[in-house]
All heavy atoms as atom14 arrays in JSON, in Angstrom:
{
  "sequence": "PYNLVVVQKSSPESLRLYTNGKIAFRSLVNTGISVMPTVDGTFPV",
  "atom14_mask": [
    [1, 1, 1, 1, 1, 1, 1, 0, 0, 0, 0, 0, 0, 0],
    [1, 1, 1, 1, 1, 1, 1, 1, 1, 1, 1, 1, 0, 0],
    [1, 1, 1, 1, 1, 1, 1, 1, 0, 0, 0, 0, 0, 0],
    [1, 1, 1, 1, 1, 1, 1, 1, 0, 0, 0, 0, 0, 0],
    [1, 1, 1, 1, 1, 1, 1, 0, 0, 0, 0, 0, 0, 0],
    [1, 1, 1, 1, 1, 1, 1, 0, 0, 0, 0, 0, 0, 0],
    [1, 1, 1, 1, 1, 1, 1, 0, 0, 0, 0, 0, 0, 0],
    [1, 1, 1, 1, 1, 1, 1, 1, 1, 0, 0, 0, 0, 0],
    [1, 1, 1, 1, 1, 1, 1, 1, 1, 0, 0, 0, 0, 0],
    [1, 1, 1, 1, 1, 1, 0, 0, 0, 0, 0, 0, 0, 0],
    [1, 1, 1, 1, 1, 1, 0, 0, 0, 0, 0, 0, 0, 0],
    [1, 1, 1, 1, 1, 1, 1, 0, 0, 0, 0, 0, 0, 0],
    [1, 1, 1, 1, 1, 1, 1, 1, 1, 0, 0, 0, 0, 0],
    [1, 1, 1, 1, 1, 1, 0, 0, 0, 0, 0, 0, 0, 0],
    [1, 1, 1, 1, 1, 1, 1, 1, 0, 0, 0, 0, 0, 0],
    [1, 1, 1, 1, 1, 1, 1, 1, 1, 1, 1, 0, 0, 0],
    [1, 1, 1, 1, 1, 1, 1, 1, 0, 0, 0, 0, 0, 0],
    [1, 1, 1, 1, 1, 1, 1, 1, 1, 1, 1, 1, 0, 0],
    [1, 1, 1, 1, 1, 1, 1, 0, 0, 0, 0, 0, 0, 0],
    [1, 1, 1, 1, 1, 1, 1, 1, 0, 0, 0, 0, 0, 0],
    [1, 1, 1, 1, 0, 0, 0, 0, 0, 0, 0, 0, 0, 0],
    [1, 1, 1, 1, 1, 1, 1, 1, 1, 0, 0, 0, 0, 0],
    [1, 1, 1, 1, 1, 1, 1, 1, 0, 0, 0, 0, 0, 0],
    [1, 1, 1, 1, 1, 0, 0, 0, 0, 0, 0, 0, 0, 0],
    [1, 1, 1, 1, 1, 1, 1, 1, 1, 1, 1, 0, 0, 0],
    [1, 1, 1, 1, 1, 1, 1, 1, 1, 1, 1, 0, 0, 0],
    [1, 1, 1, 1, 1, 1, 0, 0, 0, 0, 0, 0, 0, 0],
    [1, 1, 1, 1, 1, 1, 1, 1, 0, 0, 0, 0, 0, 0],
    [1, 1, 1, 1, 1, 1, 1, 0, 0, 0, 0, 0, 0, 0],
    [1, 1, 1, 1, 1, 1, 1, 1, 0, 0, 0, 0, 0, 0],
    [1, 1, 1, 1, 1, 1, 1, 0, 0, 0, 0, 0, 0, 0],
    [1, 1, 1, 1, 0, 0, 0, 0, 0, 0, 0, 0, 0, 0],
    [1, 1, 1, 1, 1, 1, 1, 1, 0, 0, 0, 0, 0, 0],
    [1, 1, 1, 1, 1, 1, 0, 0, 0, 0, 0, 0, 0, 0],
    [1, 1, 1, 1, 1, 1, 1, 0, 0, 0, 0, 0, 0, 0],
    [1, 1, 1, 1, 1, 1, 1, 1, 0, 0, 0, 0, 0, 0],
    [1, 1, 1, 1, 1, 1, 1, 0, 0, 0, 0, 0, 0, 0],
    [1, 1, 1, 1, 1, 1, 1, 0, 0, 0, 0, 0, 0, 0],
    [1, 1, 1, 1, 1, 1, 1, 0, 0, 0, 0, 0, 0, 0],
    [1, 1, 1, 1, 1, 1, 1, 1, 0, 0, 0, 0, 0, 0],
    [1, 1, 1, 1, 0, 0, 0, 0, 0, 0, 0, 0, 0, 0],
    [1, 1, 1, 1, 1, 1, 1, 0, 0, 0, 0, 0, 0, 0],
    [1, 1, 1, 1, 1, 1, 1, 1, 1, 1, 1, 0, 0, 0],
    [1, 1, 1, 1, 1, 1, 1, 0, 0, 0, 0, 0, 0, 0],
    [1, 1, 1, 1, 1, 1, 1, 0, 0, 0, 0, 0, 0, 0]
  ],
  "atom14_positions": [
    [[-14.69, -9.35, -2.24], [-15.05, -8.03, -2.77], [-13.97, -7.0, -2.47], [-13.12, -7.21, -1.59], [-16.34, -7.69, -2.0], [-16.32, -8.54, -0.8], [-15.52, -9.76, -1.13], [0.0, 0.0, 0.0], [0.0, 0.0, 0.0], [0.0, 0.0, 0.0], [0.0, 0.0, 0.0], [0.0, 0.0, 0.0], [0.0, 0.0, 0.0], [0.0, 0.0, 0.0]],
    [[-13.99, -5.9, -3.22], [-13.06, -4.81, -2.99], [-13.55, -3.98, -1.82], [-14.66, -3.47, -1.84], [-12.91, -3.93, -4.23], [-12.04, -2.74, -3.99], [-10.66, -2.89, -3.95], [-12.58, -1.49, -3.75], [-9.85, -1.8, -3.69], [-11.77, -0.4, -3.49], [-10.41, -0.57, -3.47], [-9.6, 0.5, -3.19], [0.0, 0.0, 0.0], [0.0, 0.0, 0.0]],
    [[-12.73, -3.88, -0.79], [-13.08, -3.11, 0.39], [-12.14, -1.92, 0.54], [-10.97, -1.99, 0.18], [-12.98, -3.96, 1.65], [-14.01, -5.08, 1.67], [-15.08, -4.95, 1.11], [-13.67, -6.18, 2.3], [0.0, 0.0, 0.0], [0.0, 0.0, 0.0], [0.0, 0.0, 0.0], [0.0, 0.0, 0.0], [0.0, 0.0, 0.0], [0.0, 0.0, 0.0]],
    [[-12.68, -0.84, 1.08], [-11.91, 0.37, 1.39], [-12.4, 0.87, 2.73], [-13.61, 0.94, 2.97], [-12.15, 1.43, 0.31], [-11.62, 2.84, 0.62], [-10.1, 2.85, 0.62], [-12.18, 3.84, -0.39], [0.0, 0.0, 0.0], [0.0, 0.0, 0.0], [0.0, 0.0, 0.0], [0.0, 0.0, 0.0], [0.0, 0.0, 0.0], [0.0, 0.0, 0.0]],
    [[-11.48, 1.23, 3.61], [-11.82, 1.81, 4.9], [-11.43, 3.28, 4.86], [-10.3, 3.62, 4.48], [-11.07, 1.1, 6.05], [-11.33, 1.79, 7.39], [-11.47, -0.37, 6.12], [0.0, 0.0, 0.0], [0.0, 0.0, 0.0], [0.0, 0.0, 0.0], [0.0, 0.0, 0.0], [0.0, 0.0, 0.0], [0.0, 0.0, 0.0], [0.0, 0.0, 0.0]],
    [[-12.36, 4.16, 5.23], [-12.1, 5.59, 5.28], [-12.3, 6.06, 6.72], [-13.37, 5.88, 7.29], [-13.02, 6.38, 4.33], [-12.77, 7.88, 4.47], [-12.82, 5.93, 2.89], [0.0, 0.0, 0.0], [0.0, 0.0, 0.0], [0.0, 0.0, 0.0], [0.0, 0.0, 0.0], [0.0, 0.0, 0.0], [0.0, 0.0, 0.0], [0.0, 0.0, 0.0]],
    [[-11.23, 6.63, 7.28], [-11.27, 7.16, 8.65], [-11.34, 8.68, 8.54], [-10.48, 9.3, 7.91], [-10.01, 6.74, 9.44], [-10.01, 7.37, 10.82], [-9.93, 5.22, 9.52], [0.0, 0.0, 0.0], [0.0, 0.0, 0.0], [0.0, 0.0, 0.0], [0.0, 0.0, 0.0], [0.0, 0.0, 0.0], [0.0, 0.0, 0.0], [0.0, 0.0, 0.0]],
    [[-12.37, 9.24, 9.12], [-12.6, 10.68, 9.09], [-12.21, 11.28, 10.44], [-12.8, 10.94, 11.45], [-14.08, 10.96, 8.8], [-14.37, 12.38, 8.48], [-13.76, 12.81, 7.15], [-13.85, 12.11, 6.15], [-13.11, 13.95, 7.14], [0.0, 0.0, 0.0], [0.0, 0.0, 0.0], [0.0, 0.0, 0.0], [0.0, 0.0, 0.0], [0.0, 0.0, 0.0]],
    [[-11.2, 12.18, 10.44], [-10.72, 12.77, 11.69], [-11.5, 14.0, 12.12], [-11.26, 14.53, 13.19], [-9.23, 13.08, 11.59], [-8.39, 11.82, 11.44], [-6.9, 12.02, 11.66], [-6.26, 13.11, 10.91], [-4.79, 13.15, 11.07], [0.0, 0.0, 0.0], [0.0, 0.0, 0.0], [0.0, 0.0, 0.0], [0.0, 0.0, 0.0], [0.0, 0.0, 0.0]],
    [[-12.47, 14.46, 11.3], [-13.29, 15.59, 11.74], [-14.28, 15.11, 12.79], [-14.63, 13.93, 12.84], [-14.01, 16.23, 10.55], [-14.84, 15.28, 9.92], [0.0, 0.0, 0.0], [0.0, 0.0, 0.0], [0.0, 0.0, 0.0], [0.0, 0.0, 0.0], [0.0, 0.0, 0.0], [0.0, 0.0, 0.0], [0.0, 0.0, 0.0], [0.0, 0.0, 0.0]],
    [[-14.72, 16.03, 13.63], [-15.57, 15.68, 14.77], [-17.02, 15.44, 14.35], [-17.57, 16.24, 13.58], [-15.5, 16.8, 15.8], [-16.19, 16.44, 16.95], [0.0, 0.0, 0.0], [0.0, 0.0, 0.0], [0.0, 0.0, 0.0], [0.0, 0.0, 0.0], [0.0, 0.0, 0.0], [0.0, 0.0, 0.0], [0.0, 0.0, 0.0], [0.0, 0.0, 0.0]],
    [[-17.65, 14.36, 14.78], [-17.08, 13.27, 15.55], [-16.29, 12.33, 14.63], [-16.69, 12.09, 13.48], [-18.3, 12.55, 16.12], [-19.37, 12.78, 15.11], [-19.09, 14.15, 14.53], [0.0, 0.0, 0.0], [0.0, 0.0, 0.0], [0.0, 0.0, 0.0], [0.0, 0.0, 0.0], [0.0, 0.0, 0.0], [0.0, 0.0, 0.0], [0.0, 0.0, 0.0]],
    [[-15.17, 11.82, 15.12], [-14.33, 10.94, 14.32], [-15.1, 9.65, 14.02], [-15.78, 9.11, 14.88], [-13.03, 10.63, 15.05], [-12.16, 11.84, 15.2], [-10.82, 11.55, 15.8], [-10.71, 10.61, 16.63], [-9.86, 12.27, 15.46], [0.0, 0.0, 0.0], [0.0, 0.0, 0.0], [0.0, 0.0, 0.0], [0.0, 0.0, 0.0], [0.0, 0.0, 0.0]],
    [[-14.96, 9.21, 12.75], [-15.73, 8.04, 12.35], [-14.97, 7.23, 11.31], [-13.96, 7.66, 10.77], [-17.08, 8.47, 11.76], [-16.87, 9.24, 10.59], [0.0, 0.0, 0.0], [0.0, 0.0, 0.0], [0.0, 0.0, 0.0], [0.0, 0.0, 0.0], [0.0, 0.0, 0.0], [0.0, 0.0, 0.0], [0.0, 0.0, 0.0], [0.0, 0.0, 0.0]],
    [[-15.48, 6.05, 11.09], [-14.92, 5.13, 10.11], [-16.07, 4.63, 9.24], [-17.16, 4.37, 9.74], [-14.26, 3.96, 10.85], [-13.76, 2.78, 10.05], [-12.55, 2.17, 10.77], [-14.83, 1.72, 9.88], [0.0, 0.0, 0.0], [0.0, 0.0, 0.0], [0.0, 0.0, 0.0], [0.0, 0.0, 0.0], [0.0, 0.0, 0.0], [0.0, 0.0, 0.0]],
    [[-15.78, 4.53, 7.94], [-16.74, 3.93, 7.01], [-16.04, 2.82, 6.25], [-14.91, 2.99, 5.78], [-17.27, 4.97, 6.02], [-18.09, 6.05, 6.65], [-18.64, 7.07, 5.64], [-17.7, 7.56, 4.66], [-16.88, 8.6, 4.85], [-16.86, 9.25, 6.0], [-16.06, 9.0, 3.89], [0.0, 0.0, 0.0], [0.0, 0.0, 0.0], [0.0, 0.0, 0.0]],
    [[-16.7, 1.68, 6.13], [-16.23, 0.58, 5.31], [-17.04, 0.58, 4.03], [-18.28, 0.54, 4.08], [-16.41, -0.76, 6.03], [-16.24, -2.02, 5.15], [-14.79, -2.17, 4.69], [-16.72, -3.25, 5.91], [0.0, 0.0, 0.0], [0.0, 0.0, 0.0], [0.0, 0.0, 0.0], [0.0, 0.0, 0.0], [0.0, 0.0, 0.0], [0.0, 0.0, 0.0]],
    [[-16.35, 0.66, 2.91], [-17.0, 0.56, 1.61], [-16.71, -0.82, 1.04], [-15.57, -1.27, 1.03], [-16.44, 1.61, 0.64], [-16.82, 3.02, 0.99], [-16.06, 3.76, 1.88], [-17.95, 3.61, 0.44], [-16.4, 5.06, 2.22], [-18.31, 4.91, 0.77], [-17.52, 5.63, 1.66], [-17.87, 6.91, 1.98], [0.0, 0.0, 0.0], [0.0, 0.0, 0.0]],
    [[-17.74, -1.5, 0.6], [-17.59, -2.78, -0.08], [-18.13, -2.61, -1.49], [-19.3, -2.26, -1.67], [-18.36, -3.89, 0.66], [-17.81, -4.02, 1.97], [-18.26, -5.23, -0.06], [0.0, 0.0, 0.0], [0.0, 0.0, 0.0], [0.0, 0.0, 0.0], [0.0, 0.0, 0.0], [0.0, 0.0, 0.0], [0.0, 0.0, 0.0], [0.0, 0.0, 0.0]],
    [[-17.24, -2.81, -2.46], [-17.58, -2.6, -3.86], [-18.25, -1.24, -4.09], [-19.23, -1.11, -4.81], [-18.46, -3.73, -4.39], [-17.7, -5.03, -4.47], [-16.49, -5.05, -4.66], [-18.4, -6.13, -4.29], [0.0, 0.0, 0.0], [0.0, 0.0, 0.0], [0.0, 0.0, 0.0], [0.0, 0.0, 0.0], [0.0, 0.0, 0.0], [0.0, 0.0, 0.0]],
    [[-17.71, -0.21, -3.42], [-18.15, 1.16, -3.64], [-19.35, 1.62, -2.83], [-19.74, 2.78, -2.93], [0.0, 0.0, 0.0], [0.0, 0.0, 0.0], [0.0, 0.0, 0.0], [0.0, 0.0, 0.0], [0.0, 0.0, 0.0], [0.0, 0.0, 0.0], [0.0, 0.0, 0.0], [0.0, 0.0, 0.0], [0.0, 0.0, 0.0], [0.0, 0.0, 0.0]],
    [[-19.93, 0.74, -2.02], [-21.1, 1.12, -1.22], [-20.78, 1.01, 0.26], [-20.09, 0.09, 0.7], [-22.27, 0.21, -1.56], [-22.73, 0.36, -3.0], [-23.9, -0.52, -3.31], [-24.29, -0.32, -4.77], [-25.31, -1.25, -5.19], [0.0, 0.0, 0.0], [0.0, 0.0, 0.0], [0.0, 0.0, 0.0], [0.0, 0.0, 0.0], [0.0, 0.0, 0.0]],
    [[-21.33, 1.94, 1.05], [-21.09, 1.9, 2.51], [-21.73, 0.64, 3.07], [-22.92, 0.4, 2.9], [-21.63, 3.15, 3.2], [-20.85, 4.39, 2.75], [-21.55, 2.99, 4.72], [-21.35, 5.69, 3.32], [0.0, 0.0, 0.0], [0.0, 0.0, 0.0], [0.0, 0.0, 0.0], [0.0, 0.0, 0.0], [0.0, 0.0, 0.0], [0.0, 0.0, 0.0]],
    [[-20.9, -0.17, 3.74], [-21.37, -1.42, 4.33], [-21.35, -1.39, 5.85], [-21.98, -2.23, 6.49], [-20.5, -2.57, 3.83], [0.0, 0.0, 0.0], [0.0, 0.0, 0.0], [0.0, 0.0, 0.0], [0.0, 0.0, 0.0], [0.0, 0.0, 0.0], [0.0, 0.0, 0.0], [0.0, 0.0, 0.0], [0.0, 0.0, 0.0], [0.0, 0.0, 0.0]],
    [[-20.63, -0.42, 6.44], [-20.47, -0.4, 7.89], [-19.96, 0.98, 8.3], [-19.19, 1.6, 7.58], [-19.45, -1.47, 8.3], [-19.11, -1.51, 9.75], [-19.99, -2.06, 10.68], [-17.91, -1.0, 10.21], [-19.68, -2.09, 12.02], [-17.59, -1.02, 11.55], [-18.48, -1.57, 12.45], [0.0, 0.0, 0.0], [0.0, 0.0, 0.0], [0.0, 0.0, 0.0]],
    [[-20.41, 1.42, 9.49], [-19.95, 2.7, 10.06], [-19.68, 2.5, 11.55], [-20.34, 1.69, 12.2], [-21.01, 3.78, 9.93], [-21.38, 4.18, 8.56], [-22.57, 5.14, 8.62], [-23.19, 5.29, 7.33], [-23.18, 6.4, 6.63], [-22.59, 7.47, 7.08], [-23.76, 6.46, 5.46], [0.0, 0.0, 0.0], [0.0, 0.0, 0.0], [0.0, 0.0, 0.0]],
    [[-18.75, 3.29, 12.07], [-18.48, 3.27, 13.51], [-17.85, 4.58, 13.94], [-17.11, 5.2, 13.17], [-17.52, 2.13, 13.85], [-17.22, 2.11, 15.23], [0.0, 0.0, 0.0], [0.0, 0.0, 0.0], [0.0, 0.0, 0.0], [0.0, 0.0, 0.0], [0.0, 0.0, 0.0], [0.0, 0.0, 0.0], [0.0, 0.0, 0.0], [0.0, 0.0, 0.0]],
    [[-18.14, 4.99, 15.16], [-17.35, 6.07, 15.77], [-16.0, 5.48, 16.11], [-15.9, 4.29, 16.47], [-18.03, 6.6, 17.03], [-19.28, 7.43, 16.83], [-19.89, 7.81, 18.18], [-18.98, 8.69, 16.02], [0.0, 0.0, 0.0], [0.0, 0.0, 0.0], [0.0, 0.0, 0.0], [0.0, 0.0, 0.0], [0.0, 0.0, 0.0], [0.0, 0.0, 0.0]],
    [[-14.95, 6.29, 16.03], [-13.59, 5.85, 16.32], [-12.84, 6.95, 17.06], [-13.31, 8.09, 17.15], [-12.81, 5.47, 15.04], [-13.47, 4.31, 14.32], [-12.65, 6.66, 14.11], [0.0, 0.0, 0.0], [0.0, 0.0, 0.0], [0.0, 0.0, 0.0], [0.0, 0.0, 0.0], [0.0, 0.0, 0.0], [0.0, 0.0, 0.0], [0.0, 0.0, 0.0]],
    [[-11.67, 6.59, 17.56], [-10.73, 7.55, 18.13], [-9.44, 7.46, 17.34], [-8.96, 6.36, 17.07], [-10.41, 7.22, 19.6], [-11.64, 7.22, 20.47], [-12.55, 7.99, 20.27], [-11.66, 6.34, 21.45], [0.0, 0.0, 0.0], [0.0, 0.0, 0.0], [0.0, 0.0, 0.0], [0.0, 0.0, 0.0], [0.0, 0.0, 0.0], [0.0, 0.0, 0.0]],
    [[-8.86, 8.59, 16.98], [-7.56, 8.61, 16.32], [-6.54, 9.21, 17.28], [-6.82, 9.44, 18.45], [-7.62, 9.41, 15.0], [-7.93, 10.77, 15.29], [-8.61, 8.81, 14.03], [0.0, 0.0, 0.0], [0.0, 0.0, 0.0], [0.0, 0.0, 0.0], [0.0, 0.0, 0.0], [0.0, 0.0, 0.0], [0.0, 0.0, 0.0], [0.0, 0.0, 0.0]],
    [[-5.34, 9.48, 16.77], [-4.23, 9.92, 17.6], [-4.36, 11.33, 18.16], [-4.89, 12.23, 17.51], [0.0, 0.0, 0.0], [0.0, 0.0, 0.0], [0.0, 0.0, 0.0], [0.0, 0.0, 0.0], [0.0, 0.0, 0.0], [0.0, 0.0, 0.0], [0.0, 0.0, 0.0], [0.0, 0.0, 0.0], [0.0, 0.0, 0.0], [0.0, 0.0, 0.0]],
    [[-3.8, 11.5, 19.35], [-3.75, 12.8, 20.0], [-2.74, 13.68, 19.26], [-1.96, 13.21, 18.43], [-3.38, 12.67, 21.5], [-2.04, 11.96, 21.66], [-4.49, 11.93, 22.24], [-1.54, 11.85, 23.1], [0.0, 0.0, 0.0], [0.0, 0.0, 0.0], [0.0, 0.0, 0.0], [0.0, 0.0, 0.0], [0.0, 0.0, 0.0], [0.0, 0.0, 0.0]],
    [[-2.73, 14.98, 19.57], [-1.92, 15.92, 18.79], [-0.43, 15.62, 18.79], [0.24, 15.83, 17.79], [-2.15, 17.36, 19.3], [-1.74, 17.49, 20.64], [0.0, 0.0, 0.0], [0.0, 0.0, 0.0], [0.0, 0.0, 0.0], [0.0, 0.0, 0.0], [0.0, 0.0, 0.0], [0.0, 0.0, 0.0], [0.0, 0.0, 0.0], [0.0, 0.0, 0.0]],
    [[0.11, 15.08, 19.88], [1.54, 14.77, 19.92], [1.88, 13.41, 19.33], [3.05, 13.1, 19.13], [2.12, 14.89, 21.36], [2.06, 16.33, 21.85], [1.42, 13.95, 22.31], [0.0, 0.0, 0.0], [0.0, 0.0, 0.0], [0.0, 0.0, 0.0], [0.0, 0.0, 0.0], [0.0, 0.0, 0.0], [0.0, 0.0, 0.0], [0.0, 0.0, 0.0]],
    [[0.88, 12.61, 19.03], [1.06, 11.3, 18.37], [-0.11, 11.07, 17.42], [-0.92, 10.17, 17.61], [1.18, 10.18, 19.4], [2.41, 10.31, 20.28], [2.68, 8.9, 21.34], [3.52, 7.81, 20.21], [0.0, 0.0, 0.0], [0.0, 0.0, 0.0], [0.0, 0.0, 0.0], [0.0, 0.0, 0.0], [0.0, 0.0, 0.0], [0.0, 0.0, 0.0]],
    [[-0.21, 11.89, 16.38], [-1.38, 11.84, 15.5], [-1.41, 10.61, 14.6], [-0.39, 9.99, 14.34], [-1.23, 13.11, 14.66], [0.24, 13.34, 14.6], [0.77, 12.89, 15.95], [0.0, 0.0, 0.0], [0.0, 0.0, 0.0], [0.0, 0.0, 0.0], [0.0, 0.0, 0.0], [0.0, 0.0, 0.0], [0.0, 0.0, 0.0], [0.0, 0.0, 0.0]],
    [[-2.59, 10.3, 14.13], [-2.76, 9.31, 13.08], [-2.47, 10.06, 11.77], [-3.08, 11.08, 11.48], [-4.2, 8.76, 13.08], [-4.52, 8.31, 14.39], [-4.36, 7.62, 12.1], [0.0, 0.0, 0.0], [0.0, 0.0, 0.0], [0.0, 0.0, 0.0], [0.0, 0.0, 0.0], [0.0, 0.0, 0.0], [0.0, 0.0, 0.0], [0.0, 0.0, 0.0]],
    [[-1.52, 9.54, 11.01], [-1.06, 10.22, 9.79], [-2.12, 10.14, 8.69], [-2.71, 9.08, 8.47], [0.26, 9.58, 9.32], [0.73, 10.2, 8.0], [1.33, 9.71, 10.38], [0.0, 0.0, 0.0], [0.0, 0.0, 0.0], [0.0, 0.0, 0.0], [0.0, 0.0, 0.0], [0.0, 0.0, 0.0], [0.0, 0.0, 0.0], [0.0, 0.0, 0.0]],
    [[-2.35, 11.27, 8.03], [-3.25, 11.29, 6.88], [-2.6, 10.58, 5.71], [-1.37, 10.62, 5.53], [-3.55, 12.73, 6.45], [-4.46, 13.46, 7.43], [-4.99, 12.82, 8.36], [-4.63, 14.68, 7.26], [0.0, 0.0, 0.0], [0.0, 0.0, 0.0], [0.0, 0.0, 0.0], [0.0, 0.0, 0.0], [0.0, 0.0, 0.0], [0.0, 0.0, 0.0]],
    [[-3.41, 9.93, 4.89], [-2.92, 9.25, 3.7], [-3.68, 7.98, 3.44], [-4.64, 7.65, 4.15], [0.0, 0.0, 0.0], [0.0, 0.0, 0.0], [0.0, 0.0, 0.0], [0.0, 0.0, 0.0], [0.0, 0.0, 0.0], [0.0, 0.0, 0.0], [0.0, 0.0, 0.0], [0.0, 0.0, 0.0], [0.0, 0.0, 0.0], [0.0, 0.0, 0.0]],
    [[-3.24, 7.25, 2.43], [-3.85, 5.96, 2.09], [-2.77, 4.89, 2.17], [-1.7, 5.05, 1.58], [-4.47, 6.01, 0.68], [-5.48, 7.02, 0.67], [-5.09, 4.68, 0.3], [0.0, 0.0, 0.0], [0.0, 0.0, 0.0], [0.0, 0.0, 0.0], [0.0, 0.0, 0.0], [0.0, 0.0, 0.0], [0.0, 0.0, 0.0], [0.0, 0.0, 0.0]],
    [[-3.07, 3.83, 2.92], [-2.1, 2.79, 3.23], [-2.75, 1.42, 3.12], [-3.93, 1.27, 3.44], [-1.58, 2.97, 4.66], [-1.2, 4.37, 5.01], [-2.11, 5.23, 5.61], [0.08, 4.84, 4.74], [-1.77, 6.53, 5.94], [0.43, 6.14, 5.06], [-0.49, 6.98, 5.66], [0.0, 0.0, 0.0], [0.0, 0.0, 0.0], [0.0, 0.0, 0.0]],
    [[-1.99, 0.38, 2.74], [-2.55, -0.98, 2.7], [-2.41, -1.67, 4.07], [-1.42, -1.49, 4.77], [-1.68, -1.69, 1.67], [-0.34, -1.01, 1.81], [-0.66, 0.43, 2.14], [0.0, 0.0, 0.0], [0.0, 0.0, 0.0], [0.0, 0.0, 0.0], [0.0, 0.0, 0.0], [0.0, 0.0, 0.0], [0.0, 0.0, 0.0], [0.0, 0.0, 0.0]],
    [[-3.4, -2.47, 4.41], [-3.26, -3.34, 5.58], [-2.15, -4.33, 5.26], [-2.15, -4.95, 4.19], [-4.59, -4.08, 5.88], [-4.38, -5.17, 6.93], [-5.65, -3.09, 6.33], [0.0, 0.0, 0.0], [0.0, 0.0, 0.0], [0.0, 0.0, 0.0], [0.0, 0.0, 0.0], [0.0, 0.0, 0.0], [0.0, 0.0, 0.0], [0.0, 0.0, 0.0]]
  ]
}
């Protein structure tokens, strides 16, 4: 299936996995600190 991972850096930071356009999984996550941030954008694994 077509999967997409969306990482949300707004508080609380979270991740959503979409499978064929529907949310299939969610988790709280941690992203990068201010001096080493996680870059915004869309990237392939």
